[in-house]
Amino acid sequence: MDPLIRAEVVIGENTKQILIEKNVTLEIPAIKVRNINAKVCDLTTDVIADKVVIQGILHKQIFFVGEDNIVHHQAEDIPFSTFVDVPGAEPCMNVQIDPVIETVIFSLLSPTVIHQKVVIEFFVKVTESRQLNVLTGEGPLVRVDQVIGENTKQELFENFVTLANASIKIDDITVSIRDLTTHVIADKVIIQGVIHKQIFYVSTDNIELHQAEDVNFSTFVDVPGAVPGMDVEVVPTVEFVHFELRDPVTLLQKVVIEFFAKVTESVQIPVVLGPGALLKLETVIGENTRQILLENVFQLPIETIKIREIVACIRDISTEVIKDKVIIQGTLHKQIFFIGIDNLEHHQAEDIPFSTFVDIIGATPGMNVHVASQIETILFELENSTSLRQKVVIEFFVKVTETQQLSVQIVGPYYF
């Protein structure tokens, strides 16, 4: 059976260059400009019909030699906005944007004025998330999100709220969903969040007032085939809001929310290239596994008669791809529970920074990295009443991929 996957269909792409030219006034006189470093930051995009609007900040660091023959530094931020034509683009589509500083030209017009020209190139790709059945066979191995299942559920939330002031009329109630969290269990997706309401009402003195209300909620959606560890996408939609003023200060509210849940799992499949859909996919370059042993002696704050338990997790993982290798850094966070000589249970936390590398032939800088870490073993022994020797074995599974555009054969039409 041809797998059903969730992938980014390429709608279009384009490139545009802009010139940002400006004079900057230095805080102190200069005899020479050493160099100017520039980068684009705080980039935001907005997709409209057939266009992508781009806004951001051009951040510059100016290094110059003052009259005292010392190199000084001055920062400058220049807001900018532009747009790129992408036929077929529509609001709510996804955007990938890569800005590159092409050229920085500067000249010292006077001891305190620098004329600057910066050329920025923007590469913009617009995609749309869709579901499609792809043909598998002889072709590149790609990492995709296979759709396990999806389902929809409507839930009615009803409650009373006491208004701060007596009211003669409810003008409007606007509802939004905030702080959404999800948890996948066997065949179900647990959903929790906050229903945020803004109540606009007319008081007895004919003034419109506002009152906010937050209501915590939890529900679940059945998705057969879902298991813990899978990925989930939940889209809540406020379907209906009903309100009724029972007395001047008591308001009855009913809110119907529809929850759409889609569960996916990251898999590797060989796809067949050919006419079909142009997709943005991650081609698998290579993968490998590495185990490391972290051993240390920890000094307990008080005399101890027994170690009850050590719980550990991996935090703050960062990666860097170099030629044929992936460097991994992170922190092993441990929580040590022990019994002191006072026969009370105590707790002590410990963080151990670590670094290692995994060989991945074909890996080069700029590629994507996916790391799964697992604590395999925790061994510990009391060497004396205050010295605790610990050994932790961690396994890293590393996959390196490269984002590419591939024309893939599909089965039937694709849909959202």
Protein backbone atom coordinates (compact mmCIF):
# COMPACT_ATOMS: atom_id res chain seq x y z
CA MET A 1 0.00 0.00 0.00
CA ASP A 2 1.33 3.44 -0.98
CA PRO A 3 1.98 5.48 2.19
CA LEU A 4 -0.08 8.58 2.98
CA ILE A 5 2.31 11.35 3.95
CA ARG A 6 2.10 14.96 5.07
CA ALA A 7 4.48 17.05 2.94
CA GLU A 8 5.17 20.59 1.82
CA VAL A 9 4.04 21.12 -1.78
CA VAL A 10 6.07 23.87 -3.46
CA ILE A 11 3.77 26.65 -4.68
CA GLY A 12 6.53 28.90 -6.00
CA GLU A 13 9.81 30.63 -5.29
CA ASN A 14 11.63 33.80 -6.26
CA THR A 15 14.66 35.95 -5.50
CA LYS A 16 14.91 39.68 -4.95
CA GLN A 17 17.74 42.05 -4.12
CA ILE A 18 17.35 45.36 -2.29
CA LEU A 19 19.76 48.23 -1.68
CA ILE A 20 19.76 49.95 1.71
CA GLU A 21 21.71 53.20 1.58
CA LYS A 22 22.21 55.49 4.55
CA ASN A 23 24.59 57.92 6.22
CA VAL A 24 25.46 57.29 9.85
CA THR A 25 26.85 59.88 12.23
CA LEU A 26 29.68 58.62 14.41
CA GLU A 27 29.78 59.43 18.11
CA ILE A 28 33.44 60.50 17.85
CA PRO A 29 35.56 61.59 14.86
CA ALA A 30 37.25 58.87 12.81
CA ILE A 31 40.30 58.77 10.58
CA LYS A 32 39.48 55.40 9.00
CA VAL A 33 36.75 52.78 8.86
CA ARG A 34 38.22 49.36 9.56
CA ASN A 35 35.19 47.28 8.55
CA ILE A 36 31.40 46.98 8.86
CA ASN A 37 29.72 43.68 9.74
CA ALA A 38 26.07 43.38 8.78
CA LYS A 39 23.36 40.80 9.38
CA VAL A 40 19.59 40.55 9.03
CA CYS A 41 17.59 39.91 12.21
CA ASP A 42 14.00 40.01 13.52
CA LEU A 43 12.73 38.84 10.13
CA THR A 44 8.96 38.58 9.72
CA THR A 45 6.87 37.63 6.69
CA ASP A 46 3.27 38.05 5.63
CA VAL A 47 1.80 36.17 2.67
CA ILE A 48 -0.75 38.00 0.55
CA ALA A 49 -2.11 37.15 -2.90
CA ASP A 50 0.88 36.38 -5.18
CA LYS A 51 3.33 38.17 -2.89
CA VAL A 52 5.38 37.75 0.27
CA VAL A 53 5.86 40.91 2.35
CA ILE A 54 9.15 40.95 4.27
CA GLN A 55 10.08 43.12 7.23
CA GLY A 56 13.15 43.07 9.41
CA ILE A 57 16.15 44.86 10.88
CA LEU A 58 19.52 45.34 9.22
CA HIS A 59 21.93 45.22 12.16
CA LYS A 60 25.36 46.70 11.55
CA GLN A 61 28.49 46.75 13.68
CA ILE A 62 30.82 49.56 12.63
CA PHE A 63 34.51 49.34 13.58
CA PHE A 64 36.50 52.51 13.00
CA VAL A 65 39.81 54.08 14.00
CA GLY A 66 39.40 57.24 16.05
CA GLU A 67 41.74 60.21 16.17
CA ASP A 68 43.34 58.52 19.19
CA ASN A 69 44.39 55.62 16.86
CA ILE A 70 42.20 53.22 18.84
CA VAL A 71 39.61 51.02 17.15
CA HIS A 72 36.10 51.95 18.31
CA HIS A 73 32.76 50.24 17.81
CA GLN A 74 29.30 51.61 17.09
CA ALA A 75 26.11 49.64 16.38
CA GLU A 76 23.28 50.66 14.09
CA ASP A 77 19.85 49.14 13.39
CA ILE A 78 17.95 50.02 10.21
CA PRO A 79 14.35 48.78 9.81
CA PHE A 80 13.42 47.74 6.27
CA SER A 81 10.50 46.30 4.35
CA THR A 82 10.09 44.90 0.86
CA PHE A 83 8.10 42.30 -1.04
CA VAL A 84 8.80 39.40 -3.40
CA ASP A 85 6.44 38.29 -6.16
CA VAL A 86 5.48 34.60 -5.84
CA PRO A 87 2.59 33.76 -8.20
CA GLY A 88 0.14 31.36 -6.56
CA ALA A 89 0.93 32.44 -3.01
CA GLU A 90 -2.07 32.91 -0.74
CA PRO A 91 -2.55 33.97 2.90
CA CYS A 92 -1.84 31.27 5.51
CA MET A 93 0.66 29.42 3.28
CA ASN A 94 4.12 28.59 4.66
CA VAL A 95 7.18 30.67 3.84
CA GLN A 96 10.87 29.82 3.86
CA ILE A 97 13.15 32.84 3.50
CA ASP A 98 16.94 32.95 3.29
CA PRO A 99 18.53 36.44 3.47
CA VAL A 100 22.13 36.87 2.30
CA ILE A 101 24.24 40.02 2.71
CA GLU A 102 25.71 40.36 -0.77
CA THR A 103 27.77 43.54 -0.45
CA VAL A 104 28.70 46.15 2.15
CA ILE A 105 30.23 49.33 0.70
CA PHE A 106 31.25 52.27 2.86
CA SER A 107 33.17 55.52 2.61
CA LEU A 108 34.10 58.18 5.14
CA LEU A 109 32.50 61.44 3.93
CA SER A 110 33.76 63.44 6.92
CA PRO A 111 35.38 62.60 10.27
CA THR A 112 31.92 61.88 11.72
CA VAL A 113 29.83 60.74 8.73
CA ILE A 114 30.00 57.35 7.00
CA HIS A 115 28.12 56.67 3.79
CA GLN A 116 26.98 53.03 3.61
CA LYS A 117 25.40 50.83 0.94
CA VAL A 118 24.25 47.30 1.77
CA VAL A 119 22.84 44.89 -0.82
CA ILE A 120 20.65 42.11 0.59
CA GLU A 121 19.36 39.18 -1.45
CA PHE A 122 16.21 37.36 -0.34
CA PHE A 123 15.38 33.87 -1.55
CA VAL A 124 11.73 33.10 -0.85
CA LYS A 125 9.96 29.76 -1.16
CA VAL A 126 6.22 29.39 -0.55
CA THR A 127 4.83 25.95 0.31
CA GLU A 128 1.57 24.46 1.50
CA SER A 129 1.12 21.47 3.79
CA ARG A 130 -0.88 18.76 2.04
CA GLN A 131 -1.54 15.06 2.32
CA LEU A 132 -0.74 12.77 -0.59
CA ASN A 133 -0.11 9.13 -1.39
CA VAL A 134 3.35 8.69 -2.92
CA LEU A 135 4.76 5.84 -4.98
CA THR A 136 7.63 4.00 -3.31
CA GLY A 137 10.38 2.12 -5.11
CA GLU A 138 13.72 2.88 -6.69
CA GLY A 139 14.55 6.44 -5.78
CA PRO A 140 16.05 8.70 -3.12
CA LEU A 141 15.51 7.87 0.54
CA VAL A 142 13.61 10.70 2.19
CA ARG A 143 12.47 11.51 5.72
CA VAL A 144 8.74 12.25 5.75
CA ASP A 145 5.82 12.47 8.15
CA GLN A 146 3.54 9.50 7.54
CA VAL A 147 -0.08 10.11 8.51
CA ILE A 148 -1.18 7.59 11.15
CA GLY A 149 -4.69 8.96 11.55
CA GLU A 150 -6.83 12.00 12.07
CA ASN A 151 -10.15 12.83 13.62
CA THR A 152 -12.44 15.68 14.62
CA LYS A 153 -14.36 16.26 17.84
CA GLN A 154 -16.73 18.98 18.95
CA GLU A 155 -16.98 19.93 22.62
CA LEU A 156 -19.48 22.13 24.44
CA PHE A 157 -18.12 24.27 27.29
CA GLU A 158 -20.77 25.91 29.49
CA ASN A 159 -20.25 28.15 32.50
CA PHE A 160 -21.58 31.10 34.46
CA VAL A 161 -19.57 34.28 35.04
CA THR A 162 -20.28 37.06 37.50
CA LEU A 163 -19.92 40.49 35.95
CA ALA A 164 -18.05 43.17 37.86
CA ASN A 165 -20.85 45.68 37.25
CA ALA A 166 -24.59 45.38 36.76
CA SER A 167 -25.44 45.04 33.08
CA ILE A 168 -28.46 45.77 30.89
CA LYS A 169 -27.10 44.17 27.72
CA ILE A 170 -24.27 41.96 26.42
CA ASP A 171 -22.81 43.56 23.32
CA ASP A 172 -20.36 40.82 22.25
CA ILE A 173 -18.14 37.98 23.46
CA THR A 174 -14.99 37.12 21.53
CA VAL A 175 -13.33 33.75 22.16
CA SER A 176 -9.83 32.46 21.41
CA ILE A 177 -7.84 29.38 22.41
CA ARG A 178 -4.53 29.86 24.21
CA ASP A 179 -1.72 27.79 25.76
CA LEU A 180 -2.67 24.63 23.84
CA THR A 181 -0.77 21.49 24.90
CA THR A 182 -1.14 17.95 23.60
CA HIS A 183 -0.20 14.49 24.79
CA VAL A 184 -0.41 11.32 22.71
CA ILE A 185 -1.46 8.10 24.42
CA ALA A 186 -2.65 4.80 22.94
CA ASP A 187 -5.31 5.60 20.28
CA LYS A 188 -6.00 9.05 21.74
CA VAL A 189 -4.75 12.63 21.80
CA ILE A 190 -5.23 14.48 25.10
CA ILE A 191 -5.71 18.23 24.61
CA GLN A 192 -5.45 20.92 27.28
CA GLY A 193 -5.58 24.66 27.08
CA VAL A 194 -7.29 27.90 28.03
CA ILE A 195 -10.47 29.39 26.57
CA HIS A 196 -9.84 33.15 26.66
CA LYS A 197 -12.99 35.26 26.51
CA GLN A 198 -13.44 39.01 26.21
CA ILE A 199 -16.88 40.11 27.35
CA PHE A 200 -18.20 43.49 26.18
CA TYR A 201 -21.34 44.63 28.00
CA VAL A 202 -23.40 47.77 28.62
CA SER A 203 -23.69 48.77 32.26
CA THR A 204 -26.76 50.31 33.89
CA ASP A 205 -25.33 53.81 33.27
CA ASN A 206 -25.16 53.06 29.51
CA ILE A 207 -21.37 52.74 29.36
CA GLU A 208 -19.78 49.81 27.54
CA LEU A 209 -17.40 47.86 29.77
CA HIS A 210 -14.97 45.03 29.18
CA GLN A 211 -14.23 41.97 31.29
CA ALA A 212 -11.84 39.14 30.49
CA GLU A 213 -12.22 35.52 31.56
CA ASP A 214 -9.94 32.50 31.25
CA VAL A 215 -11.41 29.00 31.49
CA ASN A 216 -9.11 25.98 31.66
CA PHE A 217 -10.25 22.94 29.69
CA SER A 218 -9.18 19.41 28.80
CA THR A 219 -10.58 16.93 26.32
CA PHE A 220 -9.43 14.12 24.04
CA VAL A 221 -9.78 13.03 20.41
CA ASP A 222 -9.81 9.36 19.38
CA VAL A 223 -7.12 8.59 16.78
CA PRO A 224 -6.79 4.82 16.27
CA GLY A 225 -3.17 3.79 15.77
CA ALA A 226 -1.70 6.65 17.79
CA VAL A 227 1.00 5.68 20.29
CA PRO A 228 3.12 7.75 22.70
CA GLY A 229 6.07 9.47 21.04
CA MET A 230 4.29 10.23 17.77
CA ASP A 231 3.86 13.80 16.51
CA VAL A 232 0.50 15.53 16.66
CA GLU A 233 -1.03 18.60 15.08
CA VAL A 234 -4.17 20.06 16.67
CA VAL A 235 -6.25 22.84 15.12
CA PRO A 236 -9.02 24.27 17.37
CA THR A 237 -11.88 26.24 15.82
CA VAL A 238 -14.50 28.21 17.75
CA GLU A 239 -17.74 27.07 16.10
CA PHE A 240 -20.43 28.76 18.17
CA VAL A 241 -20.72 31.27 21.03
CA HIS A 242 -24.02 31.70 22.88
CA PHE A 243 -24.65 33.98 25.86
CA GLU A 244 -27.64 34.82 28.01
CA LEU A 245 -27.94 37.42 30.76
CA ARG A 246 -29.75 35.61 33.61
CA ASP A 247 -29.76 38.65 35.91
CA PRO A 248 -27.86 41.99 35.92
CA VAL A 249 -24.60 40.38 37.07
CA THR A 250 -24.95 36.69 36.08
CA LEU A 251 -24.03 35.66 32.54
CA LEU A 252 -24.52 32.17 31.10
CA GLN A 253 -22.09 31.27 28.29
CA LYS A 254 -21.94 28.31 25.93
CA VAL A 255 -18.98 27.82 23.61
CA VAL A 256 -18.70 25.03 21.02
CA ILE A 257 -15.12 24.27 19.92
CA GLU A 258 -14.13 21.85 17.19
CA PHE A 259 -10.78 20.11 17.60
CA PHE A 260 -9.07 18.62 14.54
CA ALA A 261 -6.20 16.27 15.47
CA LYS A 262 -3.71 14.71 13.05
CA VAL A 263 -1.12 12.19 14.25
CA THR A 264 2.01 11.57 12.19
CA GLU A 265 5.20 9.55 12.55
CA SER A 266 8.60 10.32 11.07
CA VAL A 267 9.62 7.53 8.68
CA GLN A 268 12.11 6.92 5.90
CA ILE A 269 10.81 5.82 2.51
CA PRO A 270 12.31 5.56 -1.01
CA VAL A 271 10.17 7.68 -3.34
CA VAL A 272 9.76 7.35 -7.11
CA LEU A 273 10.74 10.49 -9.01
CA GLY A 274 8.72 11.68 -11.98
CA PRO A 275 5.75 13.86 -12.94
CA GLY A 276 3.43 14.42 -10.00
CA ALA A 277 3.95 16.89 -7.18
CA LEU A 278 6.92 19.16 -6.55
CA LEU A 279 7.70 18.63 -2.87
CA LYS A 280 10.12 20.13 -0.38
CA LEU A 281 11.62 17.00 1.22
CA GLU A 282 14.52 16.00 3.42
CA THR A 283 16.79 13.55 1.58
CA VAL A 284 18.57 11.21 3.99
CA ILE A 285 22.35 11.62 3.75
CA GLY A 286 23.25 9.18 6.52
CA GLU A 287 22.64 8.08 10.07
CA ASN A 288 24.62 6.55 12.89
CA THR A 289 24.53 5.68 16.60
CA ARG A 290 27.02 6.57 19.31
CA GLN A 291 27.20 5.69 23.01
CA ILE A 292 29.14 7.66 25.59
CA LEU A 293 29.94 7.03 29.26
CA LEU A 294 29.85 9.94 31.71
CA GLU A 295 31.53 9.10 35.01
CA ASN A 296 32.04 11.44 37.94
CA VAL A 297 32.24 11.64 41.72
CA PHE A 298 29.70 13.92 43.37
CA GLN A 299 30.16 15.31 46.86
CA LEU A 300 26.90 15.11 48.81
CA PRO A 301 26.11 18.08 51.07
CA ILE A 302 25.50 15.93 54.17
CA GLU A 303 26.50 12.48 55.39
CA THR A 304 24.44 9.80 53.69
CA ILE A 305 23.47 6.25 54.53
CA LYS A 306 21.73 5.30 51.28
CA ILE A 307 21.05 6.50 47.71
CA ARG A 308 17.37 6.00 47.02
CA GLU A 309 17.24 6.95 43.34
CA ILE A 310 18.91 8.96 40.59
CA VAL A 311 16.69 10.35 37.83
CA ALA A 312 18.40 11.80 34.75
CA CYS A 313 17.47 13.53 31.51
CA ILE A 314 19.23 15.23 28.59
CA ARG A 315 18.81 18.98 28.19
CA ASP A 316 19.93 21.81 25.90
CA ILE A 317 21.16 19.61 23.05
CA SER A 318 22.89 21.54 20.27
CA THR A 319 24.54 20.21 17.13
CA GLU A 320 27.03 21.37 14.54
CA VAL A 321 27.68 19.64 11.23
CA ILE A 322 31.24 19.50 9.95
CA LYS A 323 32.62 17.37 7.14
CA ASP A 324 31.56 13.74 7.72
CA LYS A 325 30.76 14.39 11.40
CA VAL A 326 28.11 15.80 13.72
CA ILE A 327 29.29 17.43 16.95
CA ILE A 328 26.79 17.13 19.82
CA GLN A 329 26.78 19.20 22.98
CA GLY A 330 24.35 19.24 25.86
CA THR A 331 23.76 18.86 29.57
CA LEU A 332 23.09 15.73 31.60
CA HIS A 333 20.67 16.83 34.32
CA LYS A 334 20.49 14.54 37.35
CA GLN A 335 18.24 14.56 40.39
CA ILE A 336 19.76 12.62 43.29
CA PHE A 337 17.46 11.39 46.07
CA PHE A 338 19.30 10.13 49.15
CA ILE A 339 18.74 9.25 52.82
CA GLY A 340 20.84 11.28 55.25
CA ILE A 341 22.04 10.17 58.66
CA ASP A 342 18.97 11.98 60.00
CA ASN A 343 16.87 9.27 58.23
CA LEU A 344 15.19 11.94 56.09
CA GLU A 345 15.06 11.83 52.31
CA HIS A 346 16.98 14.68 50.65
CA HIS A 347 17.31 15.91 47.09
CA GLN A 348 20.28 17.32 45.22
CA ALA A 349 20.46 18.38 41.56
CA GLU A 350 23.54 18.13 39.36
CA ASP A 351 24.26 19.31 35.81
CA ILE A 352 27.10 17.81 33.79
CA PRO A 353 27.96 19.41 30.42
CA PHE A 354 29.09 16.95 27.76
CA SER A 355 30.25 16.90 24.14
CA THR A 356 30.83 14.11 21.65
CA PHE A 357 30.69 13.48 17.91
CA VAL A 358 29.13 10.96 15.55
CA ASP A 359 30.62 9.96 12.18
CA ILE A 360 28.19 10.52 9.28
CA ILE A 361 29.86 10.04 5.91
CA GLY A 362 28.63 12.66 3.45
CA ALA A 363 27.60 15.21 6.06
CA THR A 364 28.57 18.81 5.27
CA PRO A 365 27.94 22.14 7.04
CA GLY A 366 24.45 23.53 6.52
CA MET A 367 22.66 20.19 6.44
CA ASN A 368 19.81 19.29 8.82
CA VAL A 369 20.39 17.19 11.94
CA HIS A 370 17.89 15.10 13.90
CA VAL A 371 19.11 13.73 17.25
CA ALA A 372 17.35 11.24 19.48
CA SER A 373 19.02 10.69 22.86
CA GLN A 374 18.34 7.93 25.34
CA ILE A 375 19.75 7.26 28.81
CA GLU A 376 20.56 3.57 28.75
CA THR A 377 22.04 2.95 32.19
CA ILE A 378 22.59 4.75 35.49
CA LEU A 379 24.97 3.09 37.93
CA PHE A 380 25.92 4.54 41.30
CA GLU A 381 27.69 3.59 44.52
CA LEU A 382 28.59 5.34 47.76
CA GLU A 383 32.37 5.40 48.14
CA ASN A 384 31.97 6.88 51.60
CA SER A 385 29.31 8.81 53.48
CA THR A 386 29.64 11.91 51.26
CA SER A 387 31.20 10.72 47.98
CA LEU A 388 28.90 9.32 45.30
CA ARG A 389 30.39 7.74 42.17
CA GLN A 390 28.06 7.74 39.18
CA LYS A 391 28.23 6.21 35.71
CA VAL A 392 25.69 7.14 33.04
CA VAL A 393 25.56 5.60 29.56
CA ILE A 394 23.85 7.74 26.91
CA GLU A 395 23.00 6.62 23.38
CA PHE A 396 22.63 9.11 20.54
CA PHE A 397 20.90 8.31 17.26
CA VAL A 398 21.80 10.91 14.65
CA LYS A 399 20.27 11.38 11.22
CA VAL A 400 21.57 13.94 8.72
CA THR A 401 19.29 15.16 5.92
CA GLU A 402 19.43 17.76 3.17
CA THR A 403 16.42 19.83 2.16
CA GLN A 404 15.72 19.43 -1.55
CA GLN A 405 12.96 19.97 -4.06
CA LEU A 406 11.91 16.71 -5.71
CA SER A 407 9.23 15.96 -8.27
CA VAL A 408 7.59 12.83 -6.87
CA GLN A 409 5.05 10.48 -8.44
CA ILE A 410 1.81 10.39 -6.48
CA VAL A 411 -1.30 8.24 -6.45
CA GLY A 412 -4.47 10.25 -7.09
CA PRO A 413 -5.04 13.91 -6.22
CA TYR A 414 -3.52 15.40 -3.11
CA TYR A 415 -5.60 17.20 -0.51
CA PHE A 416 -5.27 19.24 2.67
